[in-house]
């Protein structure tokens, strides 16, 4: 029997977007590997991953921080793999040019959102408090605002850089708003692992993912062209793909550090005070 057959298969689920493809590139190519563990990658949109985490479908997966309080009994946060940005984040966009003050004057607009458990949705709730919305797949929001089906859309992933190509305008950058309010990076999502794994397994898996992230950051010129197809509407422009990846694969992705962890705690504190989560989760990261 080969050594490969003795390896423990780990189901690793994440989004089919460029920053996740970049983070996990070295594991998919066996540049970073282990004698004990073999990753089986599953690609799903983040709203689906948030829902499937409720039934513990995957061993390790990406989740929105907004979803995590309901998952903490079964999953533990890894200390790497997080998506945090300083002064930028999900965007509220519209076809009509408007600023935030004009937005507040519109009576009951219906906003297209990428999912009720996404952190982008939480940030919009923290900002607007109450609004009408409809859940639309994240990669269809730009089109649905552009064609007039919705007056406003909440944009995540690569749409944050490509919305102008669809003839749309930025109303508010939620990461910019968050930074102005907290002076902290905006925490959007992280990687979690089932608590049922042994401590040694958790530490090794965390270490492998961290090594994969570090490999990508140290070999950008090689990795960006390989993963650019995951950037959808940006895929033909490697410099834009690089820009997007750099937004969400950074020092906080290698390790949250105290600043990143403080930002996550602040998000939960604000969400709890506004009654948007029932409890503030215990943040016991795998180090």
C-alpha atoms as a PDB file:
ATOM      1  CA  UNK A   1       0.000   0.000   0.000  1.00  0.00           C
ATOM      2  CA  UNK A   2       1.396   3.428  -0.945  1.00  0.00           C
ATOM      3  CA  UNK A   3       1.943   6.179   1.592  1.00  0.00           C
ATOM      4  CA  UNK A   4      -0.664   8.254  -0.241  1.00  0.00           C
ATOM      5  CA  UNK A   5      -3.329   5.681   0.599  1.00  0.00           C
ATOM      6  CA  UNK A   6      -2.450   5.992   4.276  1.00  0.00           C
ATOM      7  CA  UNK A   7      -3.045   9.731   4.324  1.00  0.00           C
ATOM      8  CA  UNK A   8      -6.132  11.103   6.043  1.00  0.00           C
ATOM      9  CA  UNK A   9      -8.429  12.813   3.528  1.00  0.00           C
ATOM     10  CA  UNK A  10      -9.568  16.253   4.657  1.00  0.00           C
ATOM     11  CA  UNK A  11     -12.570  17.828   2.939  1.00  0.00           C
ATOM     12  CA  UNK A  12     -11.580  21.478   2.454  1.00  0.00           C
ATOM     13  CA  UNK A  13     -14.355  23.746   1.145  1.00  0.00           C
ATOM     14  CA  UNK A  14     -13.917  27.333   0.009  1.00  0.00           C
ATOM     15  CA  UNK A  15     -15.223  29.907  -2.460  1.00  0.00           C
ATOM     16  CA  UNK A  16     -14.515  29.626  -6.205  1.00  0.00           C
ATOM     17  CA  UNK A  17     -12.951  33.076  -6.310  1.00  0.00           C
ATOM     18  CA  UNK A  18      -9.451  34.322  -6.988  1.00  0.00           C
ATOM     19  CA  UNK A  19      -8.290  35.057  -3.446  1.00  0.00           C
ATOM     20  CA  UNK A  20      -9.216  31.564  -2.197  1.00  0.00           C
ATOM     21  CA  UNK A  21      -7.701  29.945  -5.302  1.00  0.00           C
ATOM     22  CA  UNK A  22      -4.526  31.936  -4.595  1.00  0.00           C
ATOM     23  CA  UNK A  23      -4.436  30.918  -0.927  1.00  0.00           C
ATOM     24  CA  UNK A  24      -4.814  27.217  -1.638  1.00  0.00           C
ATOM     25  CA  UNK A  25      -2.810  27.023  -4.874  1.00  0.00           C
ATOM     26  CA  UNK A  26       0.227  25.425  -3.226  1.00  0.00           C
ATOM     27  CA  UNK A  27      -1.919  22.689  -1.663  1.00  0.00           C
ATOM     28  CA  UNK A  28      -3.753  21.938  -4.923  1.00  0.00           C
ATOM     29  CA  UNK A  29      -0.391  21.596  -6.728  1.00  0.00           C
ATOM     30  CA  UNK A  30       1.203  19.527  -3.916  1.00  0.00           C
ATOM     31  CA  UNK A  31       3.858  22.200  -3.469  1.00  0.00           C
ATOM     32  CA  UNK A  32       2.836  22.188   0.175  1.00  0.00           C
ATOM     33  CA  UNK A  33       2.018  18.666   1.314  1.00  0.00           C
ATOM     34  CA  UNK A  34       2.082  16.340   4.294  1.00  0.00           C
ATOM     35  CA  UNK A  35       2.810  12.680   4.975  1.00  0.00           C
ATOM     36  CA  UNK A  36      -0.339  12.519   7.115  1.00  0.00           C
ATOM     37  CA  UNK A  37      -2.961  14.634   5.380  1.00  0.00           C
ATOM     38  CA  UNK A  38      -4.403  15.000   1.885  1.00  0.00           C
ATOM     39  CA  UNK A  39      -6.800  17.839   1.040  1.00  0.00           C
ATOM     40  CA  UNK A  40      -9.856  17.232  -1.124  1.00  0.00           C
ATOM     41  CA  UNK A  41     -10.956  20.700  -2.329  1.00  0.00           C
ATOM     42  CA  UNK A  42     -14.649  21.553  -2.753  1.00  0.00           C
ATOM     43  CA  UNK A  43     -15.710  24.862  -4.331  1.00  0.00           C
ATOM     44  CA  UNK A  44     -18.990  26.496  -3.233  1.00  0.00           C
ATOM     45  CA  UNK A  45     -20.226  30.082  -2.901  1.00  0.00           C
ATOM     46  CA  UNK A  46     -19.947  31.511   0.607  1.00  0.00           C
ATOM     47  CA  UNK A  47     -23.686  31.597   1.334  1.00  0.00           C
ATOM     48  CA  UNK A  48     -23.904  27.873   0.531  1.00  0.00           C
ATOM     49  CA  UNK A  49     -20.857  27.167   2.702  1.00  0.00           C
ATOM     50  CA  UNK A  50     -22.400  29.061   5.611  1.00  0.00           C
ATOM     51  CA  UNK A  51     -25.540  26.916   5.356  1.00  0.00           C
ATOM     52  CA  UNK A  52     -23.670  23.630   4.919  1.00  0.00           C
ATOM     53  CA  UNK A  53     -21.530  24.360   7.963  1.00  0.00           C
ATOM     54  CA  UNK A  54     -24.720  24.003  10.030  1.00  0.00           C
ATOM     55  CA  UNK A  55     -24.745  20.293   9.176  1.00  0.00           C
ATOM     56  CA  UNK A  56     -20.945  19.945   9.508  1.00  0.00           C
ATOM     57  CA  UNK A  57     -20.603  18.842   5.903  1.00  0.00           C
ATOM     58  CA  UNK A  58     -16.885  19.658   5.607  1.00  0.00           C
ATOM     59  CA  UNK A  59     -13.828  19.135   7.799  1.00  0.00           C
ATOM     60  CA  UNK A  60     -12.283  22.526   7.071  1.00  0.00           C
ATOM     61  CA  UNK A  61     -14.047  25.367   5.321  1.00  0.00           C
ATOM     62  CA  UNK A  62     -14.410  29.077   4.739  1.00  0.00           C
ATOM     63  CA  UNK A  63     -17.241  30.810   6.612  1.00  0.00           C
ATOM     64  CA  UNK A  64     -18.477  34.348   7.015  1.00  0.00           C
ATOM     65  CA  UNK A  65     -17.753  35.808  10.434  1.00  0.00           C
ATOM     66  CA  UNK A  66     -21.471  36.647  10.679  1.00  0.00           C
ATOM     67  CA  UNK A  67     -22.279  32.929  10.455  1.00  0.00           C
ATOM     68  CA  UNK A  68     -19.673  31.767  12.985  1.00  0.00           C
ATOM     69  CA  UNK A  69     -21.526  32.440  16.294  1.00  0.00           C
ATOM     70  CA  UNK A  70     -24.001  29.675  15.392  1.00  0.00           C
ATOM     71  CA  UNK A  71     -21.172  27.293  14.442  1.00  0.00           C
ATOM     72  CA  UNK A  72     -18.706  27.711  17.301  1.00  0.00           C
ATOM     73  CA  UNK A  73     -19.787  24.566  19.193  1.00  0.00           C
ATOM     74  CA  UNK A  74     -18.710  22.389  16.261  1.00  0.00           C
ATOM     75  CA  UNK A  75     -16.015  24.460  14.543  1.00  0.00           C
ATOM     76  CA  UNK A  76     -12.909  26.309  15.722  1.00  0.00           C
ATOM     77  CA  UNK A  77     -11.333  29.244  13.883  1.00  0.00           C
ATOM     78  CA  UNK A  78      -7.924  28.685  12.337  1.00  0.00           C
ATOM     79  CA  UNK A  79      -5.470  31.532  12.964  1.00  0.00           C
ATOM     80  CA  UNK A  80      -4.771  31.864   9.218  1.00  0.00           C
ATOM     81  CA  UNK A  81      -6.836  32.168   6.050  1.00  0.00           C
ATOM     82  CA  UNK A  82      -8.897  35.187   7.063  1.00  0.00           C
ATOM     83  CA  UNK A  83     -10.175  37.873   4.689  1.00  0.00           C
ATOM     84  CA  UNK A  84      -9.620  41.315   6.197  1.00  0.00           C
ATOM     85  CA  UNK A  85      -9.155  44.657   4.486  1.00  0.00           C
ATOM     86  CA  UNK A  86      -7.982  48.069   5.694  1.00  0.00           C
ATOM     87  CA  UNK A  87     -10.297  50.831   4.488  1.00  0.00           C
ATOM     88  CA  UNK A  88     -12.105  48.851   1.782  1.00  0.00           C
ATOM     89  CA  UNK A  89     -14.687  46.089   1.669  1.00  0.00           C
ATOM     90  CA  UNK A  90     -18.076  45.133   0.218  1.00  0.00           C
ATOM     91  CA  UNK A  91     -19.759  47.859  -1.824  1.00  0.00           C
ATOM     92  CA  UNK A  92     -23.302  49.135  -2.079  1.00  0.00           C
ATOM     93  CA  UNK A  93     -23.742  50.093  -5.733  1.00  0.00           C
ATOM     94  CA  UNK A  94     -26.496  51.626  -7.855  1.00  0.00           C
ATOM     95  CA  UNK A  95     -27.166  52.571 -11.464  1.00  0.00           C
ATOM     96  CA  UNK A  96     -28.104  56.075 -10.383  1.00  0.00           C
ATOM     97  CA  UNK A  97     -25.381  58.321  -9.012  1.00  0.00           C
ATOM     98  CA  UNK A  98     -26.076  58.942  -5.349  1.00  0.00           C
ATOM     99  CA  UNK A  99     -24.323  59.469  -2.053  1.00  0.00           C
ATOM    100  CA  UNK A 100     -25.253  58.046   1.319  1.00  0.00           C
ATOM    101  CA  UNK A 101     -27.437  61.045   2.200  1.00  0.00           C
ATOM    102  CA  UNK A 102     -29.504  60.615  -0.969  1.00  0.00           C
ATOM    103  CA  UNK A 103     -29.794  56.884  -0.264  1.00  0.00           C
ATOM    104  CA  UNK A 104     -31.443  57.623   3.085  1.00  0.00           C
ATOM    105  CA  UNK A 105     -34.120  59.656   1.282  1.00  0.00           C
ATOM    106  CA  UNK A 106     -35.217  56.740  -0.936  1.00  0.00           C
ATOM    107  CA  UNK A 107     -38.355  55.080   0.408  1.00  0.00           C
ATOM    108  CA  UNK A 108     -37.963  51.327   0.983  1.00  0.00           C
ATOM    109  CA  UNK A 109     -35.557  50.387  -1.820  1.00  0.00           C
ATOM    110  CA  UNK A 110     -35.082  46.646  -2.338  1.00  0.00           C
ATOM    111  CA  UNK A 111     -31.379  45.771  -2.154  1.00  0.00           C
ATOM    112  CA  UNK A 112     -29.941  42.700  -3.877  1.00  0.00           C
ATOM    113  CA  UNK A 113     -27.702  40.954  -1.315  1.00  0.00           C
ATOM    114  CA  UNK A 114     -25.418  37.895  -1.655  1.00  0.00           C
ATOM    115  CA  UNK A 115     -26.775  36.104   1.423  1.00  0.00           C
ATOM    116  CA  UNK A 116     -28.279  36.719   4.864  1.00  0.00           C
ATOM    117  CA  UNK A 117     -25.337  35.095   6.660  1.00  0.00           C
ATOM    118  CA  UNK A 118     -22.598  36.976   4.830  1.00  0.00           C
ATOM    119  CA  UNK A 119     -20.601  39.542   6.774  1.00  0.00           C
ATOM    120  CA  UNK A 120     -21.345  42.025   3.983  1.00  0.00           C
ATOM    121  CA  UNK A 121     -25.034  41.710   4.937  1.00  0.00           C
ATOM    122  CA  UNK A 122     -24.171  42.197   8.629  1.00  0.00           C
ATOM    123  CA  UNK A 123     -22.188  45.367   7.844  1.00  0.00           C
ATOM    124  CA  UNK A 124     -25.105  46.735   5.818  1.00  0.00           C
ATOM    125  CA  UNK A 125     -27.445  46.001   8.747  1.00  0.00           C
ATOM    126  CA  UNK A 126     -25.074  47.812  11.104  1.00  0.00           C
ATOM    127  CA  UNK A 127     -25.085  50.815   8.766  1.00  0.00           C
ATOM    128  CA  UNK A 128     -28.711  51.011   7.568  1.00  0.00           C
ATOM    129  CA  UNK A 129     -30.404  49.169  10.465  1.00  0.00           C
ATOM    130  CA  UNK A 130     -33.530  48.201   8.531  1.00  0.00           C
ATOM    131  CA  UNK A 131     -34.059  47.696   4.792  1.00  0.00           C
ATOM    132  CA  UNK A 132     -35.835  45.493   2.276  1.00  0.00           C
ATOM    133  CA  UNK A 133     -33.700  42.976   0.437  1.00  0.00           C
ATOM    134  CA  UNK A 134     -33.698  39.947  -1.822  1.00  0.00           C
ATOM    135  CA  UNK A 135     -30.993  37.282  -1.884  1.00  0.00           C
ATOM    136  CA  UNK A 136     -29.345  37.009  -5.309  1.00  0.00           C
ATOM    137  CA  UNK A 137     -26.302  34.850  -6.220  1.00  0.00           C
ATOM    138  CA  UNK A 138     -23.242  37.059  -5.705  1.00  0.00           C
ATOM    139  CA  UNK A 139     -22.125  36.765  -9.338  1.00  0.00           C
ATOM    140  CA  UNK A 140     -25.519  37.949 -10.638  1.00  0.00           C
ATOM    141  CA  UNK A 141     -25.901  41.109  -8.539  1.00  0.00           C
ATOM    142  CA  UNK A 142     -24.105  43.495 -10.911  1.00  0.00           C
ATOM    143  CA  UNK A 143     -26.226  42.337 -13.833  1.00  0.00           C
ATOM    144  CA  UNK A 144     -29.465  42.640 -11.848  1.00  0.00           C
ATOM    145  CA  UNK A 145     -28.699  46.205 -10.764  1.00  0.00           C
ATOM    146  CA  UNK A 146     -27.457  47.156 -14.241  1.00  0.00           C
ATOM    147  CA  UNK A 147     -30.663  45.928 -15.917  1.00  0.00           C
ATOM    148  CA  UNK A 148     -32.839  47.778 -13.410  1.00  0.00           C
ATOM    149  CA  UNK A 149     -34.322  44.804 -11.578  1.00  0.00           C
ATOM    150  CA  UNK A 150     -32.933  46.211  -8.311  1.00  0.00           C
ATOM    151  CA  UNK A 151     -32.069  49.838  -7.575  1.00  0.00           C
ATOM    152  CA  UNK A 152     -29.178  48.811  -5.313  1.00  0.00           C
ATOM    153  CA  UNK A 153     -26.863  45.836  -4.919  1.00  0.00           C
ATOM    154  CA  UNK A 154     -24.454  44.673  -2.247  1.00  0.00           C
ATOM    155  CA  UNK A 155     -21.304  43.566  -4.067  1.00  0.00           C
ATOM    156  CA  UNK A 156     -18.600  41.168  -2.807  1.00  0.00           C
ATOM    157  CA  UNK A 157     -15.618  39.392  -4.399  1.00  0.00           C
ATOM    158  CA  UNK A 158     -14.292  40.681  -7.738  1.00  0.00           C
ATOM    159  CA  UNK A 159     -17.364  42.829  -8.327  1.00  0.00           C
ATOM    160  CA  UNK A 160     -15.762  45.323  -5.964  1.00  0.00           C
ATOM    161  CA  UNK A 161     -13.304  46.139  -8.778  1.00  0.00           C
ATOM    162  CA  UNK A 162     -15.463  45.519 -11.849  1.00  0.00           C
ATOM    163  CA  UNK A 163     -18.745  47.285 -10.976  1.00  0.00           C
ATOM    164  CA  UNK A 164     -17.908  50.343 -13.122  1.00  0.00           C
ATOM    165  CA  UNK A 165     -17.680  48.110 -16.220  1.00  0.00           C
ATOM    166  CA  UNK A 166     -21.376  47.385 -15.636  1.00  0.00           C
ATOM    167  CA  UNK A 167     -22.146  51.110 -15.648  1.00  0.00           C
ATOM    168  CA  UNK A 168     -22.722  51.217 -11.896  1.00  0.00           C
ATOM    169  CA  UNK A 169     -21.746  53.718  -9.219  1.00  0.00           C
ATOM    170  CA  UNK A 170     -20.467  53.290  -5.676  1.00  0.00           C
ATOM    171  CA  UNK A 171     -22.884  54.500  -3.020  1.00  0.00           C
ATOM    172  CA  UNK A 172     -20.881  53.421   0.021  1.00  0.00           C
ATOM    173  CA  UNK A 173     -17.833  51.248   0.681  1.00  0.00           C
ATOM    174  CA  UNK A 174     -18.654  49.313   3.849  1.00  0.00           C
ATOM    175  CA  UNK A 175     -14.979  48.672   4.601  1.00  0.00           C
ATOM    176  CA  UNK A 176     -14.285  52.378   4.392  1.00  0.00           C
ATOM    177  CA  UNK A 177     -17.280  53.107   6.641  1.00  0.00           C
ATOM    178  CA  UNK A 178     -16.109  50.454   9.122  1.00  0.00           C
ATOM    179  CA  UNK A 179     -12.558  51.850   9.198  1.00  0.00           C
ATOM    180  CA  UNK A 180     -13.865  55.360   9.851  1.00  0.00           C
ATOM    181  CA  UNK A 181     -15.914  54.031  12.762  1.00  0.00           C
ATOM    182  CA  UNK A 182     -13.368  51.659  14.334  1.00  0.00           C
ATOM    183  CA  UNK A 183      -9.907  52.406  12.881  1.00  0.00           C
ATOM    184  CA  UNK A 184      -9.645  48.629  12.316  1.00  0.00           C
ATOM    185  CA  UNK A 185      -9.540  46.354   9.262  1.00  0.00           C
ATOM    186  CA  UNK A 186     -12.928  44.965   8.300  1.00  0.00           C
ATOM    187  CA  UNK A 187     -13.143  41.216   9.067  1.00  0.00           C
ATOM    188  CA  UNK A 188     -15.219  39.391   6.463  1.00  0.00           C
ATOM    189  CA  UNK A 189     -14.524  35.667   6.717  1.00  0.00           C
ATOM    190  CA  UNK A 190     -12.184  33.010   7.989  1.00  0.00           C
ATOM    191  CA  UNK A 191     -11.364  29.315   7.871  1.00  0.00           C
ATOM    192  CA  UNK A 192     -12.702  26.900  10.466  1.00  0.00           C
ATOM    193  CA  UNK A 193     -11.971  23.289  11.399  1.00  0.00           C
ATOM    194  CA  UNK A 194     -14.134  20.694  13.131  1.00  0.00           C
ATOM    195  CA  UNK A 195     -13.484  20.622  16.861  1.00  0.00           C
ATOM    196  CA  UNK A 196     -13.553  16.811  16.723  1.00  0.00           C
ATOM    197  CA  UNK A 197     -10.028  16.720  15.237  1.00  0.00           C
ATOM    198  CA  UNK A 198      -7.147  16.149  17.627  1.00  0.00           C
ATOM    199  CA  UNK A 199      -5.039  19.146  18.653  1.00  0.00           C
ATOM    200  CA  UNK A 200      -2.089  17.776  16.656  1.00  0.00           C
ATOM    201  CA  UNK A 201      -4.233  17.448  13.525  1.00  0.00           C
ATOM    202  CA  UNK A 202      -5.623  20.956  13.943  1.00  0.00           C
ATOM    203  CA  UNK A 203      -2.141  22.412  14.337  1.00  0.00           C
ATOM    204  CA  UNK A 204      -0.800  20.541  11.293  1.00  0.00           C
ATOM    205  CA  UNK A 205      -3.736  21.560   9.074  1.00  0.00           C
ATOM    206  CA  UNK A 206      -3.408  25.183  10.214  1.00  0.00           C
ATOM    207  CA  UNK A 207       0.320  25.057   9.451  1.00  0.00           C
ATOM    208  CA  UNK A 208      -0.197  23.579   5.964  1.00  0.00           C
ATOM    209  CA  UNK A 209      -2.722  26.270   5.033  1.00  0.00           C
ATOM    210  CA  UNK A 210      -0.436  28.996   6.398  1.00  0.00           C
ATOM    211  CA  UNK A 211       2.464  27.617   4.316  1.00  0.00           C
ATOM    212  CA  UNK A 212       0.253  27.602   1.226  1.00  0.00           C
ATOM    213  CA  UNK A 213      -0.727  31.247   1.777  1.00  0.00           C
ATOM    214  CA  UNK A 214       2.907  32.234   2.336  1.00  0.00           C
ATOM    215  CA  UNK A 215       3.964  30.408  -0.834  1.00  0.00           C
ATOM    216  CA  UNK A 216       1.442  32.388  -2.874  1.00  0.00           C
ATOM    217  CA  UNK A 217       2.560  35.706  -1.414  1.00  0.00           C
ATOM    218  CA  UNK A 218       6.224  34.864  -2.071  1.00  0.00           C
ATOM    219  CA  UNK A 219       5.544  33.670  -5.653  1.00  0.00           C
ATOM    220  CA  UNK A 220       2.859  36.050  -6.902  1.00  0.00           C
ATOM    221  CA  UNK A 221       4.256  36.404 -10.414  1.00  0.00           C
ATOM    222  CA  UNK A 222       3.919  32.627 -10.876  1.00  0.00           C
ATOM    223  CA  UNK A 223       0.620  32.038  -9.060  1.00  0.00           C
ATOM    224  CA  UNK A 224      -1.513  34.974 -10.319  1.00  0.00           C
ATOM    225  CA  UNK A 225      -1.601  33.792 -13.985  1.00  0.00           C
ATOM    226  CA  UNK A 226      -2.471  30.263 -12.812  1.00  0.00           C
ATOM    227  CA  UNK A 227      -5.507  31.339 -10.781  1.00  0.00           C
ATOM    228  CA  UNK A 228      -6.741  34.310 -12.818  1.00  0.00           C
ATOM    229  CA  UNK A 229      -9.577  32.302 -14.416  1.00  0.00           C
ATOM    230  CA  UNK A 230     -11.243  32.205 -10.974  1.00  0.00           C
ATOM    231  CA  UNK A 231     -11.546  36.001 -11.090  1.00  0.00           C
ATOM    232  CA  UNK A 232     -14.362  35.767 -13.662  1.00  0.00           C
ATOM    233  CA  UNK A 233     -14.827  39.254 -15.150  1.00  0.00           C
ATOM    234  CA  UNK A 234     -11.271  40.256 -14.164  1.00  0.00           C
ATOM    235  CA  UNK A 235      -9.642  37.105 -15.525  1.00  0.00           C
ATOM    236  CA  UNK A 236      -8.154  38.702 -18.635  1.00  0.00           C
ATOM    237  CA  UNK A 237      -6.340  41.385 -16.645  1.00  0.00           C
ATOM    238  CA  UNK A 238      -3.583  39.925 -14.463  1.00  0.00           C
ATOM    239  CA  UNK A 239      -2.803  43.288 -12.876  1.00  0.00           C
ATOM    240  CA  UNK A 240      -6.435  43.657 -11.714  1.00  0.00           C
ATOM    241  CA  UNK A 241      -6.464  40.060 -10.475  1.00  0.00           C
ATOM    242  CA  UNK A 242      -3.270  40.838  -8.561  1.00  0.00           C
ATOM    243  CA  UNK A 243      -4.919  43.948  -7.100  1.00  0.00           C
ATOM    244  CA  UNK A 244      -7.965  41.998  -5.964  1.00  0.00           C
ATOM    245  CA  UNK A 245      -5.907  39.166  -4.468  1.00  0.00           C
ATOM    246  CA  UNK A 246      -3.709  41.695  -2.658  1.00  0.00           C
ATOM    247  CA  UNK A 247      -6.814  43.240  -1.084  1.00  0.00           C
ATOM    248  CA  UNK A 248      -7.775  40.033   0.707  1.00  0.00           C
ATOM    249  CA  UNK A 249      -4.606  37.942   0.918  1.00  0.00           C
ATOM    250  CA  UNK A 250      -2.315  39.974   3.148  1.00  0.00           C
ATOM    251  CA  UNK A 251      -0.563  39.867   6.527  1.00  0.00           C
ATOM    252  CA  UNK A 252      -3.883  39.156   8.272  1.00  0.00           C
ATOM    253  CA  UNK A 253      -4.376  36.100   6.051  1.00  0.00           C
ATOM    254  CA  UNK A 254      -1.061  34.628   7.196  1.00  0.00           C
ATOM    255  CA  UNK A 255      -1.997  35.335  10.825  1.00  0.00           C
ATOM    256  CA  UNK A 256      -4.712  37.544  12.319  1.00  0.00           C
ATOM    257  CA  UNK A 257      -2.367  38.929  14.954  1.00  0.00           C
ATOM    258  CA  UNK A 258      -3.747  41.088  17.752  1.00  0.00           C
ATOM    259  CA  UNK A 259      -5.122  43.749  15.379  1.00  0.00           C
ATOM    260  CA  UNK A 260      -7.073  41.200  13.333  1.00  0.00           C
ATOM    261  CA  UNK A 261      -8.445  39.476  16.426  1.00  0.00           C
ATOM    262  CA  UNK A 262      -9.440  42.839  17.906  1.00  0.00           C
ATOM    263  CA  UNK A 263     -11.331  43.635  14.689  1.00  0.00           C
ATOM    264  CA  UNK A 264     -13.239  40.344  14.873  1.00  0.00           C
ATOM    265  CA  UNK A 265     -14.160  40.959  18.524  1.00  0.00           C
ATOM    266  CA  UNK A 266     -15.318  44.488  17.660  1.00  0.00           C
ATOM    267  CA  UNK A 267     -17.546  43.150  14.876  1.00  0.00           C
ATOM    268  CA  UNK A 268     -19.232  40.753  17.298  1.00  0.00           C
ATOM    269  CA  UNK A 269     -19.575  43.395  19.996  1.00  0.00           C
ATOM    270  CA  UNK A 270     -21.344  45.768  17.595  1.00  0.00           C
ATOM    271  CA  UNK A 271     -23.528  42.996  16.154  1.00  0.00           C
ATOM    272  CA  UNK A 272     -24.531  41.863  19.662  1.00  0.00           C
ATOM    273  CA  UNK A 273     -25.345  45.399  20.804  1.00  0.00           C
ATOM    274  CA  UNK A 274     -27.610  45.827  17.756  1.00  0.00           C
ATOM    275  CA  UNK A 275     -29.336  42.491  18.426  1.00  0.00           C
ATOM    276  CA  UNK A 276     -28.020  40.935  15.205  1.00  0.00           C
ATOM    277  CA  UNK A 277     -26.377  37.957  16.929  1.00  0.00           C
ATOM    278  CA  UNK A 278     -27.609  36.105  20.025  1.00  0.00           C
ATOM    279  CA  UNK A 279     -24.189  35.656  21.623  1.00  0.00           C
ATOM    280  CA  UNK A 280     -20.587  36.731  21.240  1.00  0.00           C
ATOM    281  CA  UNK A 281     -18.621  33.584  20.352  1.00  0.00           C
ATOM    282  CA  UNK A 282     -15.584  32.393  22.255  1.00  0.00           C
ATOM    283  CA  UNK A 283     -12.607  33.084  20.012  1.00  0.00           C
ATOM    284  CA  UNK A 284     -10.183  30.205  20.676  1.00  0.00           C
ATOM    285  CA  UNK A 285      -8.043  30.133  17.555  1.00  0.00           C
ATOM    286  CA  UNK A 286      -5.951  27.169  16.410  1.00  0.00           C
ATOM    287  CA  UNK A 287      -2.419  28.571  16.603  1.00  0.00           C
END
